[in-house]
């Protein structure tokens, strides 16, 4: 958007990622503290800060991502009189919630949809799910292209783009050996990402194939959606599991891996033929069972 004449300001909570994002995107960045969990007092404070920011900057467009940031940004933008308010949905938090938490999260999604002018699900399966649950007015819904939020940068995710010295560094980090088969799981280490199932499944199939190695690339988030004690023990003690806390160069780990696992309960591959995200957990088990024959 910046390359096409827009004056872009990025807004997010604080975190170790944002210095790299600023350097990569070349845009201004403002920090507004926001909690992932339901926190009424903190949420009102965040809403007020966003409202003041929008009134001061007077943007023509506010475009939000993620459930909590979407709710706060769309409400603040509406209150501040921003004419174009866009929210992208890449996953629905309430899919795995139950009871009162689920009802609150559904209400939040509906409120976000009411405050937004346009809502962009990042896949047709997600669009259909939103329609079925009547979360957003039909006239506001649109899938951009064939789905996905950003597409794939082939200049980055290609063998020719990999730097040999960085590749050697990553190989040393995972103790890479040519005769082993590496499997990669990327994402926050939380229950919703299917990490419990990934770790338990790997422990099972590894007994039948000692050549398998699992790389888990992601950080713990114990304050919101912790994994089980059993899964934590597997992750921290299993000799064939390599845990990498953080990396902004996932392409090197992908290059070394034979298979990448996406086992999220509520996020799928953005393609029109993916019906439900939970099927990915089944895909993971079937693929790993097949690898016993390698």
C-alpha atoms as a PDB file:
ATOM      1  CA  UNK A   1       0.000   0.000   0.000  1.00  0.00           C
ATOM      2  CA  UNK A   2       2.876   2.337   0.722  1.00  0.00           C
ATOM      3  CA  UNK A   3       4.353   1.631  -2.711  1.00  0.00           C
ATOM      4  CA  UNK A   4       1.022   2.633  -4.217  1.00  0.00           C
ATOM      5  CA  UNK A   5       0.813   6.048  -2.595  1.00  0.00           C
ATOM      6  CA  UNK A   6      -0.767   5.370   0.793  1.00  0.00           C
ATOM      7  CA  UNK A   7       0.628   6.875   3.988  1.00  0.00           C
ATOM      8  CA  UNK A   8       0.595   3.786   6.226  1.00  0.00           C
ATOM      9  CA  UNK A   9       0.753   3.690  10.027  1.00  0.00           C
ATOM     10  CA  UNK A  10       0.910   0.239  11.648  1.00  0.00           C
ATOM     11  CA  UNK A  11      -0.626  -0.238  15.102  1.00  0.00           C
ATOM     12  CA  UNK A  12      -0.103  -3.208  17.429  1.00  0.00           C
ATOM     13  CA  UNK A  13       0.718  -4.250  20.970  1.00  0.00           C
ATOM     14  CA  UNK A  14       4.327  -4.276  22.016  1.00  0.00           C
ATOM     15  CA  UNK A  15       6.392  -7.347  21.143  1.00  0.00           C
ATOM     16  CA  UNK A  16       9.726  -8.573  19.882  1.00  0.00           C
ATOM     17  CA  UNK A  17       8.432  -8.814  16.315  1.00  0.00           C
ATOM     18  CA  UNK A  18       7.710  -5.166  15.611  1.00  0.00           C
ATOM     19  CA  UNK A  19      11.300  -3.850  15.067  1.00  0.00           C
ATOM     20  CA  UNK A  20      11.713  -6.348  12.219  1.00  0.00           C
ATOM     21  CA  UNK A  21       8.273  -5.479  10.832  1.00  0.00           C
ATOM     22  CA  UNK A  22       9.139  -1.774  10.792  1.00  0.00           C
ATOM     23  CA  UNK A  23      12.402  -2.504   9.010  1.00  0.00           C
ATOM     24  CA  UNK A  24      10.746  -4.794   6.454  1.00  0.00           C
ATOM     25  CA  UNK A  25       7.690  -2.641   5.745  1.00  0.00           C
ATOM     26  CA  UNK A  26       9.294   0.786   6.050  1.00  0.00           C
ATOM     27  CA  UNK A  27       6.191   2.255   7.719  1.00  0.00           C
ATOM     28  CA  UNK A  28       5.525   4.145  10.933  1.00  0.00           C
ATOM     29  CA  UNK A  29       4.477   2.066  13.931  1.00  0.00           C
ATOM     30  CA  UNK A  30       2.490   2.956  17.050  1.00  0.00           C
ATOM     31  CA  UNK A  31       2.124   0.765  20.136  1.00  0.00           C
ATOM     32  CA  UNK A  32      -1.338   0.429  21.692  1.00  0.00           C
ATOM     33  CA  UNK A  33      -1.417  -2.211  24.482  1.00  0.00           C
ATOM     34  CA  UNK A  34      -4.066  -4.860  23.772  1.00  0.00           C
ATOM     35  CA  UNK A  35      -4.802  -8.132  25.571  1.00  0.00           C
ATOM     36  CA  UNK A  36      -5.657 -11.328  23.671  1.00  0.00           C
ATOM     37  CA  UNK A  37      -7.855 -12.528  26.520  1.00  0.00           C
ATOM     38  CA  UNK A  38     -11.135 -10.975  27.648  1.00  0.00           C
ATOM     39  CA  UNK A  39     -10.111  -8.114  29.967  1.00  0.00           C
ATOM     40  CA  UNK A  40     -12.892  -5.483  30.225  1.00  0.00           C
ATOM     41  CA  UNK A  41     -10.929  -2.726  31.980  1.00  0.00           C
ATOM     42  CA  UNK A  42      -7.844  -3.118  29.784  1.00  0.00           C
ATOM     43  CA  UNK A  43     -10.045  -3.366  26.698  1.00  0.00           C
ATOM     44  CA  UNK A  44     -11.771  -0.053  27.474  1.00  0.00           C
ATOM     45  CA  UNK A  45      -8.374   1.561  27.942  1.00  0.00           C
ATOM     46  CA  UNK A  46      -7.186   0.187  24.595  1.00  0.00           C
ATOM     47  CA  UNK A  47     -10.385   1.359  22.913  1.00  0.00           C
ATOM     48  CA  UNK A  48      -9.878   4.883  24.255  1.00  0.00           C
ATOM     49  CA  UNK A  49      -6.232   4.973  23.098  1.00  0.00           C
ATOM     50  CA  UNK A  50      -7.205   3.801  19.611  1.00  0.00           C
ATOM     51  CA  UNK A  51     -10.004   6.368  19.443  1.00  0.00           C
ATOM     52  CA  UNK A  52      -7.588   9.176  20.365  1.00  0.00           C
ATOM     53  CA  UNK A  53      -5.068   7.925  17.796  1.00  0.00           C
ATOM     54  CA  UNK A  54      -7.680   7.859  15.025  1.00  0.00           C
ATOM     55  CA  UNK A  55      -8.993  11.308  15.933  1.00  0.00           C
ATOM     56  CA  UNK A  56      -5.459  12.677  15.884  1.00  0.00           C
ATOM     57  CA  UNK A  57      -4.309  11.007  12.662  1.00  0.00           C
ATOM     58  CA  UNK A  58      -7.673  11.207  10.852  1.00  0.00           C
ATOM     59  CA  UNK A  59      -7.064   8.157   8.599  1.00  0.00           C
ATOM     60  CA  UNK A  60      -9.134   7.534   5.480  1.00  0.00           C
ATOM     61  CA  UNK A  61      -9.023   3.753   6.090  1.00  0.00           C
ATOM     62  CA  UNK A  62      -8.612   1.554   9.160  1.00  0.00           C
ATOM     63  CA  UNK A  63      -7.890  -2.099   8.368  1.00  0.00           C
ATOM     64  CA  UNK A  64      -7.760  -4.582  11.269  1.00  0.00           C
ATOM     65  CA  UNK A  65      -6.696  -8.200  11.801  1.00  0.00           C
ATOM     66  CA  UNK A  66      -7.218 -10.680  14.682  1.00  0.00           C
ATOM     67  CA  UNK A  67     -10.385 -10.885  16.815  1.00  0.00           C
ATOM     68  CA  UNK A  68      -9.457  -8.551  19.695  1.00  0.00           C
ATOM     69  CA  UNK A  69      -7.677  -5.917  17.610  1.00  0.00           C
ATOM     70  CA  UNK A  70     -10.527  -6.105  15.116  1.00  0.00           C
ATOM     71  CA  UNK A  71     -13.198  -5.417  17.737  1.00  0.00           C
ATOM     72  CA  UNK A  72     -11.307  -2.532  19.312  1.00  0.00           C
ATOM     73  CA  UNK A  73     -10.154  -0.971  16.034  1.00  0.00           C
ATOM     74  CA  UNK A  74     -13.517  -1.189  14.284  1.00  0.00           C
ATOM     75  CA  UNK A  75     -15.367   0.328  17.267  1.00  0.00           C
ATOM     76  CA  UNK A  76     -12.769   3.060  17.776  1.00  0.00           C
ATOM     77  CA  UNK A  77     -12.730   3.866  14.040  1.00  0.00           C
ATOM     78  CA  UNK A  78     -16.520   4.086  13.926  1.00  0.00           C
ATOM     79  CA  UNK A  79     -16.628   6.364  16.985  1.00  0.00           C
ATOM     80  CA  UNK A  80     -13.855   8.509  15.461  1.00  0.00           C
ATOM     81  CA  UNK A  81     -15.766   8.918  12.194  1.00  0.00           C
ATOM     82  CA  UNK A  82     -13.413   6.943   9.924  1.00  0.00           C
ATOM     83  CA  UNK A  83     -15.285   6.446   6.651  1.00  0.00           C
ATOM     84  CA  UNK A  84     -13.738   3.145   5.478  1.00  0.00           C
ATOM     85  CA  UNK A  85     -13.421   0.394   8.076  1.00  0.00           C
ATOM     86  CA  UNK A  86     -12.153  -3.038   6.935  1.00  0.00           C
ATOM     87  CA  UNK A  87     -11.704  -6.166   9.045  1.00  0.00           C
ATOM     88  CA  UNK A  88      -9.958  -9.316   7.803  1.00  0.00           C
ATOM     89  CA  UNK A  89     -10.893 -12.645   9.419  1.00  0.00           C
ATOM     90  CA  UNK A  90      -8.257 -15.385   9.351  1.00  0.00           C
ATOM     91  CA  UNK A  91      -9.802 -17.491  12.126  1.00  0.00           C
ATOM     92  CA  UNK A  92     -12.642 -17.432  14.649  1.00  0.00           C
ATOM     93  CA  UNK A  93     -11.648 -17.767  18.285  1.00  0.00           C
ATOM     94  CA  UNK A  94     -15.057 -19.005  19.434  1.00  0.00           C
ATOM     95  CA  UNK A  95     -14.816 -22.200  17.357  1.00  0.00           C
ATOM     96  CA  UNK A  96     -13.086 -23.963  20.243  1.00  0.00           C
ATOM     97  CA  UNK A  97     -14.775 -22.131  23.129  1.00  0.00           C
ATOM     98  CA  UNK A  98     -17.756 -23.393  25.140  1.00  0.00           C
ATOM     99  CA  UNK A  99     -20.372 -22.035  27.502  1.00  0.00           C
ATOM    100  CA  UNK A 100     -20.356 -18.361  28.452  1.00  0.00           C
ATOM    101  CA  UNK A 101     -16.948 -17.757  26.840  1.00  0.00           C
ATOM    102  CA  UNK A 102     -18.321 -18.893  23.489  1.00  0.00           C
ATOM    103  CA  UNK A 103     -21.386 -16.656  23.772  1.00  0.00           C
ATOM    104  CA  UNK A 104     -19.199 -13.660  24.610  1.00  0.00           C
ATOM    105  CA  UNK A 105     -16.826 -14.358  21.712  1.00  0.00           C
ATOM    106  CA  UNK A 106     -19.701 -14.777  19.246  1.00  0.00           C
ATOM    107  CA  UNK A 107     -21.152 -11.462  20.421  1.00  0.00           C
ATOM    108  CA  UNK A 108     -17.744  -9.816  19.934  1.00  0.00           C
ATOM    109  CA  UNK A 109     -17.514 -11.110  16.350  1.00  0.00           C
ATOM    110  CA  UNK A 110     -21.009  -9.830  15.563  1.00  0.00           C
ATOM    111  CA  UNK A 111     -20.189  -6.458  17.109  1.00  0.00           C
ATOM    112  CA  UNK A 112     -17.004  -6.230  15.046  1.00  0.00           C
ATOM    113  CA  UNK A 113     -19.016  -7.006  11.908  1.00  0.00           C
ATOM    114  CA  UNK A 114     -21.563  -4.323  12.717  1.00  0.00           C
ATOM    115  CA  UNK A 115     -18.866  -1.686  13.245  1.00  0.00           C
ATOM    116  CA  UNK A 116     -16.966  -2.608  10.054  1.00  0.00           C
ATOM    117  CA  UNK A 117     -17.893  -1.425   6.569  1.00  0.00           C
ATOM    118  CA  UNK A 118     -16.301  -4.464   4.919  1.00  0.00           C
ATOM    119  CA  UNK A 119     -15.372  -7.891   6.295  1.00  0.00           C
ATOM    120  CA  UNK A 120     -12.883 -10.032   4.362  1.00  0.00           C
ATOM    121  CA  UNK A 121     -12.655 -13.733   5.341  1.00  0.00           C
ATOM    122  CA  UNK A 122      -9.409 -15.181   4.038  1.00  0.00           C
ATOM    123  CA  UNK A 123     -10.993 -18.335   2.600  1.00  0.00           C
ATOM    124  CA  UNK A 124     -14.274 -19.453   1.060  1.00  0.00           C
ATOM    125  CA  UNK A 125     -14.771 -22.095   3.758  1.00  0.00           C
ATOM    126  CA  UNK A 126     -14.523 -19.372   6.399  1.00  0.00           C
ATOM    127  CA  UNK A 127     -16.930 -17.213   4.380  1.00  0.00           C
ATOM    128  CA  UNK A 128     -19.456 -20.047   4.360  1.00  0.00           C
ATOM    129  CA  UNK A 129     -19.029 -20.608   8.096  1.00  0.00           C
ATOM    130  CA  UNK A 130     -19.677 -16.912   8.787  1.00  0.00           C
ATOM    131  CA  UNK A 131     -22.784 -17.057   6.615  1.00  0.00           C
ATOM    132  CA  UNK A 132     -24.077 -20.202   8.312  1.00  0.00           C
ATOM    133  CA  UNK A 133     -23.684 -18.624  11.744  1.00  0.00           C
ATOM    134  CA  UNK A 134     -25.037 -15.242  10.605  1.00  0.00           C
ATOM    135  CA  UNK A 135     -22.113 -13.331  12.090  1.00  0.00           C
ATOM    136  CA  UNK A 136     -21.886 -10.563   9.493  1.00  0.00           C
ATOM    137  CA  UNK A 137     -24.281  -8.899   7.073  1.00  0.00           C
ATOM    138  CA  UNK A 138     -24.037 -10.535   3.633  1.00  0.00           C
ATOM    139  CA  UNK A 139     -23.477  -7.221   1.857  1.00  0.00           C
ATOM    140  CA  UNK A 140     -20.258  -6.631   3.827  1.00  0.00           C
ATOM    141  CA  UNK A 141     -18.631  -9.989   3.038  1.00  0.00           C
ATOM    142  CA  UNK A 142     -16.030 -10.542   0.344  1.00  0.00           C
ATOM    143  CA  UNK A 143     -13.120 -12.930  -0.248  1.00  0.00           C
ATOM    144  CA  UNK A 144     -10.170 -11.250  -1.948  1.00  0.00           C
ATOM    145  CA  UNK A 145      -8.927 -13.281  -4.912  1.00  0.00           C
ATOM    146  CA  UNK A 146      -8.918 -16.974  -4.030  1.00  0.00           C
ATOM    147  CA  UNK A 147      -8.248 -16.382  -0.354  1.00  0.00           C
ATOM    148  CA  UNK A 148      -5.145 -16.105   1.869  1.00  0.00           C
ATOM    149  CA  UNK A 149      -4.142 -12.892   3.602  1.00  0.00           C
ATOM    150  CA  UNK A 150      -0.798 -12.161   1.989  1.00  0.00           C
ATOM    151  CA  UNK A 151      -0.061 -14.712  -0.706  1.00  0.00           C
ATOM    152  CA  UNK A 152       3.373 -16.297  -0.973  1.00  0.00           C
ATOM    153  CA  UNK A 153       6.505 -14.330  -1.833  1.00  0.00           C
ATOM    154  CA  UNK A 154       8.291 -16.692  -4.224  1.00  0.00           C
ATOM    155  CA  UNK A 155      11.379 -14.497  -4.122  1.00  0.00           C
ATOM    156  CA  UNK A 156      11.700 -15.418  -0.457  1.00  0.00           C
ATOM    157  CA  UNK A 157      10.351 -18.980  -0.381  1.00  0.00           C
ATOM    158  CA  UNK A 158      12.602 -20.439  -3.050  1.00  0.00           C
ATOM    159  CA  UNK A 159      15.843 -22.378  -2.812  1.00  0.00           C
ATOM    160  CA  UNK A 160      17.719 -19.734  -4.771  1.00  0.00           C
ATOM    161  CA  UNK A 161      16.821 -17.088  -2.157  1.00  0.00           C
ATOM    162  CA  UNK A 162      18.333 -19.004   0.757  1.00  0.00           C
ATOM    163  CA  UNK A 163      21.656 -17.722   2.045  1.00  0.00           C
ATOM    164  CA  UNK A 164      24.153 -20.603   2.497  1.00  0.00           C
ATOM    165  CA  UNK A 165      25.629 -19.188   5.700  1.00  0.00           C
ATOM    166  CA  UNK A 166      22.179 -18.831   7.280  1.00  0.00           C
ATOM    167  CA  UNK A 167      21.191 -22.316   6.147  1.00  0.00           C
ATOM    168  CA  UNK A 168      24.340 -23.724   7.780  1.00  0.00           C
ATOM    169  CA  UNK A 169      23.454 -21.849  10.969  1.00  0.00           C
ATOM    170  CA  UNK A 170      19.964 -23.357  11.076  1.00  0.00           C
ATOM    171  CA  UNK A 171      21.334 -26.830  10.339  1.00  0.00           C
ATOM    172  CA  UNK A 172      23.602 -26.540  13.360  1.00  0.00           C
ATOM    173  CA  UNK A 173      20.716 -25.290  15.463  1.00  0.00           C
ATOM    174  CA  UNK A 174      18.625 -28.414  14.763  1.00  0.00           C
ATOM    175  CA  UNK A 175      21.627 -30.762  14.540  1.00  0.00           C
ATOM    176  CA  UNK A 176      20.604 -31.589  10.973  1.00  0.00           C
ATOM    177  CA  UNK A 177      21.524 -34.987   9.524  1.00  0.00           C
ATOM    178  CA  UNK A 178      20.835 -36.048   5.962  1.00  0.00           C
ATOM    179  CA  UNK A 179      19.569 -39.512   6.899  1.00  0.00           C
ATOM    180  CA  UNK A 180      16.803 -38.153   9.178  1.00  0.00           C
ATOM    181  CA  UNK A 181      13.287 -37.036   8.208  1.00  0.00           C
ATOM    182  CA  UNK A 182      12.312 -33.657   9.653  1.00  0.00           C
ATOM    183  CA  UNK A 183       8.752 -32.546  10.332  1.00  0.00           C
ATOM    184  CA  UNK A 184       7.950 -28.903  11.073  1.00  0.00           C
ATOM    185  CA  UNK A 185       5.182 -27.431  13.236  1.00  0.00           C
ATOM    186  CA  UNK A 186       5.008 -23.634  13.386  1.00  0.00           C
ATOM    187  CA  UNK A 187       2.854 -21.372  15.535  1.00  0.00           C
ATOM    188  CA  UNK A 188       2.154 -20.307  19.095  1.00  0.00           C
ATOM    189  CA  UNK A 189       2.383 -23.233  21.502  1.00  0.00           C
ATOM    190  CA  UNK A 190      -1.227 -23.266  22.657  1.00  0.00           C
ATOM    191  CA  UNK A 191      -4.006 -25.831  22.746  1.00  0.00           C
ATOM    192  CA  UNK A 192      -5.969 -24.168  19.926  1.00  0.00           C
ATOM    193  CA  UNK A 193      -3.084 -24.737  17.520  1.00  0.00           C
ATOM    194  CA  UNK A 194      -3.400 -28.504  17.967  1.00  0.00           C
ATOM    195  CA  UNK A 195      -0.025 -28.794  19.685  1.00  0.00           C
ATOM    196  CA  UNK A 196      -1.293 -31.386  22.186  1.00  0.00           C
ATOM    197  CA  UNK A 197      -2.284 -33.685  19.319  1.00  0.00           C
ATOM    198  CA  UNK A 198       0.877 -32.965  17.337  1.00  0.00           C
ATOM    199  CA  UNK A 199       3.165 -33.929  20.208  1.00  0.00           C
ATOM    200  CA  UNK A 200       1.191 -36.982  21.291  1.00  0.00           C
ATOM    201  CA  UNK A 201       0.945 -38.215  17.694  1.00  0.00           C
ATOM    202  CA  UNK A 202       4.640 -37.722  17.092  1.00  0.00           C
ATOM    203  CA  UNK A 203       5.529 -39.652  20.241  1.00  0.00           C
ATOM    204  CA  UNK A 204       3.386 -42.520  18.962  1.00  0.00           C
ATOM    205  CA  UNK A 205       4.749 -42.695  15.421  1.00  0.00           C
ATOM    206  CA  UNK A 206       8.348 -42.145  16.485  1.00  0.00           C
ATOM    207  CA  UNK A 207       8.289 -45.536  18.191  1.00  0.00           C
ATOM    208  CA  UNK A 208       7.840 -47.064  14.741  1.00  0.00           C
ATOM    209  CA  UNK A 209      10.331 -44.837  12.919  1.00  0.00           C
ATOM    210  CA  UNK A 210      13.389 -43.695  14.858  1.00  0.00           C
ATOM    211  CA  UNK A 211      14.515 -41.592  11.895  1.00  0.00           C
ATOM    212  CA  UNK A 212      11.788 -38.979  12.457  1.00  0.00           C
ATOM    213  CA  UNK A 213      12.515 -35.596  14.017  1.00  0.00           C
ATOM    214  CA  UNK A 214       9.944 -32.932  14.940  1.00  0.00           C
ATOM    215  CA  UNK A 215      10.856 -29.238  14.888  1.00  0.00           C
ATOM    216  CA  UNK A 216       8.436 -27.142  16.949  1.00  0.00           C
ATOM    217  CA  UNK A 217       8.885 -23.485  16.057  1.00  0.00           C
ATOM    218  CA  UNK A 218       6.967 -21.184  18.399  1.00  0.00           C
ATOM    219  CA  UNK A 219       6.656 -19.640  21.845  1.00  0.00           C
ATOM    220  CA  UNK A 220       4.591 -20.710  24.848  1.00  0.00           C
ATOM    221  CA  UNK A 221       1.486 -18.677  25.737  1.00  0.00           C
ATOM    222  CA  UNK A 222       0.538 -20.137  29.091  1.00  0.00           C
ATOM    223  CA  UNK A 223      -1.529 -17.152  30.175  1.00  0.00           C
ATOM    224  CA  UNK A 224      -4.205 -17.678  27.512  1.00  0.00           C
ATOM    225  CA  UNK A 225      -4.475 -21.242  26.214  1.00  0.00           C
ATOM    226  CA  UNK A 226      -1.821 -23.516  27.753  1.00  0.00           C
ATOM    227  CA  UNK A 227      -1.069 -26.967  26.412  1.00  0.00           C
ATOM    228  CA  UNK A 228      -1.517 -30.015  28.640  1.00  0.00           C
ATOM    229  CA  UNK A 229       1.110 -31.058  31.191  1.00  0.00           C
ATOM    230  CA  UNK A 230       1.597 -34.291  29.237  1.00  0.00           C
ATOM    231  CA  UNK A 231       2.279 -32.419  26.004  1.00  0.00           C
ATOM    232  CA  UNK A 232       4.644 -30.025  27.763  1.00  0.00           C
ATOM    233  CA  UNK A 233       6.641 -32.933  29.137  1.00  0.00           C
ATOM    234  CA  UNK A 234       6.874 -34.518  25.679  1.00  0.00           C
ATOM    235  CA  UNK A 235       8.043 -31.244  24.159  1.00  0.00           C
ATOM    236  CA  UNK A 236      10.709 -30.616  26.777  1.00  0.00           C
ATOM    237  CA  UNK A 237      12.036 -34.166  27.230  1.00  0.00           C
ATOM    238  CA  UNK A 238      11.566 -36.160  24.018  1.00  0.00           C
ATOM    239  CA  UNK A 239      14.995 -36.684  22.394  1.00  0.00           C
ATOM    240  CA  UNK A 240      13.615 -36.457  18.830  1.00  0.00           C
ATOM    241  CA  UNK A 241      11.808 -33.130  19.321  1.00  0.00           C
ATOM    242  CA  UNK A 242      13.603 -29.837  18.712  1.00  0.00           C
ATOM    243  CA  UNK A 243      11.967 -26.723  20.150  1.00  0.00           C
ATOM    244  CA  UNK A 244      12.942 -23.379  18.624  1.00  0.00           C
ATOM    245  CA  UNK A 245      11.475 -20.516  20.652  1.00  0.00           C
ATOM    246  CA  UNK A 246      11.554 -17.846  17.978  1.00  0.00           C
ATOM    247  CA  UNK A 247      12.699 -17.209  14.411  1.00  0.00           C
ATOM    248  CA  UNK A 248      11.648 -14.712  11.763  1.00  0.00           C
ATOM    249  CA  UNK A 249      13.216 -16.829   9.008  1.00  0.00           C
ATOM    250  CA  UNK A 250      10.847 -19.757   8.826  1.00  0.00           C
ATOM    251  CA  UNK A 251      11.785 -20.480   5.217  1.00  0.00           C
ATOM    252  CA  UNK A 252      15.064 -22.114   6.324  1.00  0.00           C
ATOM    253  CA  UNK A 253      13.275 -24.535   8.650  1.00  0.00           C
ATOM    254  CA  UNK A 254      10.732 -25.245   5.909  1.00  0.00           C
ATOM    255  CA  UNK A 255      13.551 -26.032   3.476  1.00  0.00           C
ATOM    256  CA  UNK A 256      15.039 -28.611   5.843  1.00  0.00           C
ATOM    257  CA  UNK A 257      11.692 -30.275   6.557  1.00  0.00           C
ATOM    258  CA  UNK A 258      10.044 -33.075   4.591  1.00  0.00           C
ATOM    259  CA  UNK A 259       6.593 -32.230   5.942  1.00  0.00           C
ATOM    260  CA  UNK A 260       4.968 -29.214   7.566  1.00  0.00           C
ATOM    261  CA  UNK A 261       2.092 -29.704  10.027  1.00  0.00           C
ATOM    262  CA  UNK A 262      -0.794 -27.274  10.430  1.00  0.00           C
ATOM    263  CA  UNK A 263      -3.072 -28.784  13.075  1.00  0.00           C
ATOM    264  CA  UNK A 264      -5.006 -25.728  14.256  1.00  0.00           C
ATOM    265  CA  UNK A 265      -8.534 -26.263  15.517  1.00  0.00           C
ATOM    266  CA  UNK A 266      -9.830 -23.052  13.983  1.00  0.00           C
ATOM    267  CA  UNK A 267      -7.552 -22.038  11.123  1.00  0.00           C
ATOM    268  CA  UNK A 268      -7.170 -23.885   7.860  1.00  0.00           C
ATOM    269  CA  UNK A 269      -5.458 -23.515   4.528  1.00  0.00           C
ATOM    270  CA  UNK A 270      -7.188 -20.653   2.670  1.00  0.00           C
ATOM    271  CA  UNK A 271      -8.539 -22.613  -0.265  1.00  0.00           C
ATOM    272  CA  UNK A 272     -12.096 -23.132  -1.440  1.00  0.00           C
ATOM    273  CA  UNK A 273     -11.878 -26.903  -1.030  1.00  0.00           C
ATOM    274  CA  UNK A 274     -11.010 -26.826   2.696  1.00  0.00           C
ATOM    275  CA  UNK A 275     -14.271 -27.339   4.545  1.00  0.00           C
ATOM    276  CA  UNK A 276     -13.251 -27.250   8.202  1.00  0.00           C
ATOM    277  CA  UNK A 277      -9.977 -26.441   9.931  1.00  0.00           C
ATOM    278  CA  UNK A 278     -10.094 -29.424  12.360  1.00  0.00           C
ATOM    279  CA  UNK A 279      -9.561 -31.808   9.437  1.00  0.00           C
ATOM    280  CA  UNK A 280      -5.919 -30.746   9.470  1.00  0.00           C
ATOM    281  CA  UNK A 281      -5.349 -32.666  12.706  1.00  0.00           C
ATOM    282  CA  UNK A 282      -6.601 -35.822  10.965  1.00  0.00           C
ATOM    283  CA  UNK A 283      -4.409 -35.038   7.968  1.00  0.00           C
ATOM    284  CA  UNK A 284      -1.446 -34.860  10.314  1.00  0.00           C
ATOM    285  CA  UNK A 285      -2.093 -38.307  11.801  1.00  0.00           C
ATOM    286  CA  UNK A 286      -2.677 -39.934   8.420  1.00  0.00           C
ATOM    287  CA  UNK A 287       0.472 -38.453   6.924  1.00  0.00           C
ATOM    288  CA  UNK A 288       2.614 -39.458   9.862  1.00  0.00           C
ATOM    289  CA  UNK A 289       1.237 -42.977   9.818  1.00  0.00           C
ATOM    290  CA  UNK A 290       2.227 -43.165   6.174  1.00  0.00           C
ATOM    291  CA  UNK A 291       5.728 -42.060   7.044  1.00  0.00           C
ATOM    292  CA  UNK A 292       6.272 -45.196   9.092  1.00  0.00           C
ATOM    293  CA  UNK A 293       7.011 -46.887   5.782  1.00  0.00           C
ATOM    294  CA  UNK A 294       9.807 -44.448   4.851  1.00  0.00           C
END
